[in-house]
Amino acid sequence: MNLKNSFFTLIFICLFFNSYSSEKVKEKFKIYGNCGMCNEVITKAAKSVDGVIYLKWNSKTKIAKIKYDSDKTSLDEVQKKIASVGYDTEKYKADDEVYNNLHHCCKYNREN
């Protein structure tokens, strides 16, 4: 019985340290958009990137708060993914064709 308890303790310790070995990063960045529909598309795109834990975007301030696993992805990869669905970020601009296909209420004023 003692050997069995030791085995489970060892498994628990390994799982515990493995789950905390990767770095969870919290950051903020700007995403241009307008409305709740934009928020849904932006959030879905971000969460499709492996390693993203959450993304919350404020349509008034245009600021997104993100938490992700830096061993699996980077802020650059997330911003590229968001730009690929039509939304400019502070670092990447969406392709004009994708932007032009956004719903009319989602067409934000683009920065130069």
Protein backbone atom coordinates (compact mmCIF):
# COMPACT_ATOMS: atom_id res chain seq x y z
CA MET A 1 0.00 0.00 0.00
CA ASN A 2 2.84 2.38 0.81
CA LEU A 3 4.41 1.79 -2.61
CA LYS A 4 1.07 2.58 -4.25
CA ASN A 5 0.80 5.90 -2.37
CA SER A 6 4.36 6.78 -3.33
CA PHE A 7 3.60 6.06 -6.97
CA PHE A 8 0.53 8.35 -6.96
CA THR A 9 2.48 11.06 -5.14
CA LEU A 10 5.19 10.90 -7.79
CA ILE A 11 2.61 11.11 -10.60
CA PHE A 12 0.98 14.12 -8.92
CA ILE A 13 4.30 15.93 -8.53
CA CYS A 14 5.22 15.31 -12.18
CA LEU A 15 1.85 16.58 -13.42
CA PHE A 16 2.01 19.60 -11.11
CA PHE A 17 5.44 20.71 -12.29
CA ASN A 18 4.66 19.96 -15.94
CA SER A 19 1.57 22.16 -15.85
CA TYR A 20 3.53 25.07 -14.37
CA SER A 21 6.71 24.70 -16.41
CA SER A 22 5.43 26.77 -19.33
CA GLU A 23 5.13 30.51 -18.92
CA LYS A 24 1.69 32.08 -19.06
CA VAL A 25 2.00 35.63 -20.38
CA LYS A 26 -0.50 38.47 -20.02
CA GLU A 27 -0.31 41.39 -22.45
CA LYS A 28 -2.38 44.19 -23.94
CA PHE A 29 -2.50 45.39 -27.54
CA LYS A 30 -4.72 47.38 -29.88
CA ILE A 31 -7.18 45.83 -32.34
CA TYR A 32 -9.34 48.02 -34.59
CA GLY A 33 -13.01 47.14 -34.89
CA ASN A 34 -16.43 48.46 -33.92
CA CYS A 35 -19.03 46.15 -32.49
CA GLY A 36 -20.12 42.92 -30.87
CA MET A 37 -19.89 41.07 -34.18
CA CYS A 38 -16.26 42.23 -34.47
CA ASN A 39 -15.65 41.01 -30.92
CA GLU A 40 -16.96 37.54 -31.76
CA VAL A 41 -14.77 37.20 -34.87
CA ILE A 42 -11.68 38.61 -33.13
CA THR A 43 -12.12 36.36 -30.09
CA LYS A 44 -12.76 33.26 -32.20
CA ALA A 45 -9.65 33.94 -34.30
CA ALA A 46 -7.46 34.46 -31.24
CA LYS A 47 -8.75 31.36 -29.47
CA SER A 48 -8.07 29.27 -32.58
CA VAL A 49 -4.34 29.82 -31.99
CA ASP A 50 -2.93 26.96 -29.93
CA GLY A 51 -1.76 28.31 -26.58
CA VAL A 52 -4.22 31.20 -26.23
CA ILE A 53 -5.97 30.93 -22.89
CA TYR A 54 -8.22 33.96 -23.24
CA LEU A 55 -8.65 37.22 -25.11
CA LYS A 56 -10.97 40.01 -24.03
CA TRP A 57 -11.40 42.98 -26.38
CA ASN A 58 -13.00 46.33 -25.54
CA SER A 59 -14.68 47.89 -28.59
CA LYS A 60 -14.57 51.40 -27.10
CA THR A 61 -10.88 51.51 -26.16
CA LYS A 62 -9.82 49.03 -28.91
CA ILE A 63 -7.57 47.36 -26.32
CA ALA A 64 -7.37 43.57 -26.04
CA LYS A 65 -6.15 41.76 -22.97
CA ILE A 66 -4.68 38.36 -23.70
CA LYS A 67 -3.23 35.48 -21.74
CA TYR A 68 -1.31 32.79 -23.60
CA ASP A 69 1.25 30.05 -23.15
CA SER A 70 4.53 31.42 -24.49
CA ASP A 71 5.81 27.87 -25.09
CA LYS A 72 3.05 27.33 -27.66
CA THR A 73 2.58 30.72 -29.36
CA SER A 74 3.58 34.36 -29.41
CA LEU A 75 1.80 37.69 -29.48
CA ASP A 76 2.95 38.08 -33.10
CA GLU A 77 1.19 34.85 -34.12
CA VAL A 78 -2.03 35.95 -32.45
CA GLN A 79 -1.92 39.38 -34.09
CA LYS A 80 -1.27 37.80 -37.50
CA LYS A 81 -4.28 35.52 -37.03
CA ILE A 82 -6.53 38.45 -36.09
CA ALA A 83 -5.32 40.43 -39.12
CA SER A 84 -6.05 37.41 -41.32
CA VAL A 85 -9.77 37.69 -40.48
CA GLY A 86 -9.94 41.41 -41.35
CA TYR A 87 -8.95 43.36 -38.26
CA ASP A 88 -5.88 45.59 -38.08
CA THR A 89 -3.77 45.34 -34.95
CA GLU A 90 -1.10 47.70 -33.75
CA LYS A 91 1.48 45.58 -35.58
CA TYR A 92 -0.28 43.95 -38.56
CA LYS A 93 -2.66 45.30 -41.17
CA ALA A 94 -5.41 43.08 -42.58
CA ASP A 95 -5.41 42.46 -46.33
CA ASP A 96 -7.62 45.01 -48.08
CA GLU A 97 -9.69 42.26 -49.71
CA VAL A 98 -10.48 40.64 -46.35
CA TYR A 99 -11.24 44.02 -44.75
CA ASN A 100 -13.55 44.94 -47.65
CA ASN A 101 -15.54 41.73 -47.10
CA LEU A 102 -16.34 42.59 -43.47
CA HIS A 103 -19.97 43.35 -42.63
CA HIS A 104 -20.70 47.07 -43.15
CA CYS A 105 -21.00 47.74 -39.39
CA CYS A 106 -17.58 46.16 -38.83
CA LYS A 107 -15.69 48.47 -41.19
CA TYR A 108 -13.67 50.63 -38.85
CA ASN A 109 -11.62 53.69 -39.78
CA ARG A 110 -8.25 52.33 -40.81
CA GLU A 111 -5.02 53.87 -39.62
CA ASN A 112 -2.46 54.80 -42.31
